[in-house]
């Protein structure tokens, strides 16, 4: 094995089995993602009265989305200006997600935001809001790709959304590999590893680390990133 020969081996983004690497760098963590998706809704709504927001997810069995929504609900109390009124599932199909978003607006006539923690769902929801003539009334946020969301940010259907920044992820992985190879730090539980301009990461008991909060995209930076991914 490479590691037996003194070669530094880390994994990042999609992990490899623990015995095949010294540490794994995840783009973010479930708790950070869950907090970010509700924060983005709350930040673009008035302090009072309480606004109704709903979730458009992928499938009922999507492990990632279910975990993020659970984490989001854990911190809902931190955002007293929003109330999560329902969750629907578009199965990561554009047409079904579109219909589900339409259904949310009919079921909850006072709905102020749709949170879609799926790149298919967020685009479909933004299109549904646009077609319903509800830009400015219903804000669409969640997790999406800049290239697919640029038009919806410019139209105002989405004030902001998030996803990890692949530039930051590649940079952080390189910095971690550099410090491990140099021997500045060891990949062991609790270790803090410098990541240059990104700060540092802390390894958990499985020698995994979360890079950062998901990166927020809005009108100020959408053009820069939509040409990249």
Foldseek 3Di string as FASTA:
>chain_A
DVVVVVAAAEAECDHDPLVVHLAYEYQADLLLQLCVLVVLLLVPDDLDDAAEEEEEEADPPPVSRVSNVVSNVVCVVVRNNYDYDYYHHQNLDLVSLLVVLLVVCVVDVQHAEYEYQDASNQLSNLVSCVVVVNQVRYAYEHDHALLSCVVSLVVNNHQKYFARDVVLRVQQVVQQSVCVSVPVWGQAAQTWGQRPPQGIWGAHRSSYTHSDRTDMDHPVCSVVRSVPD
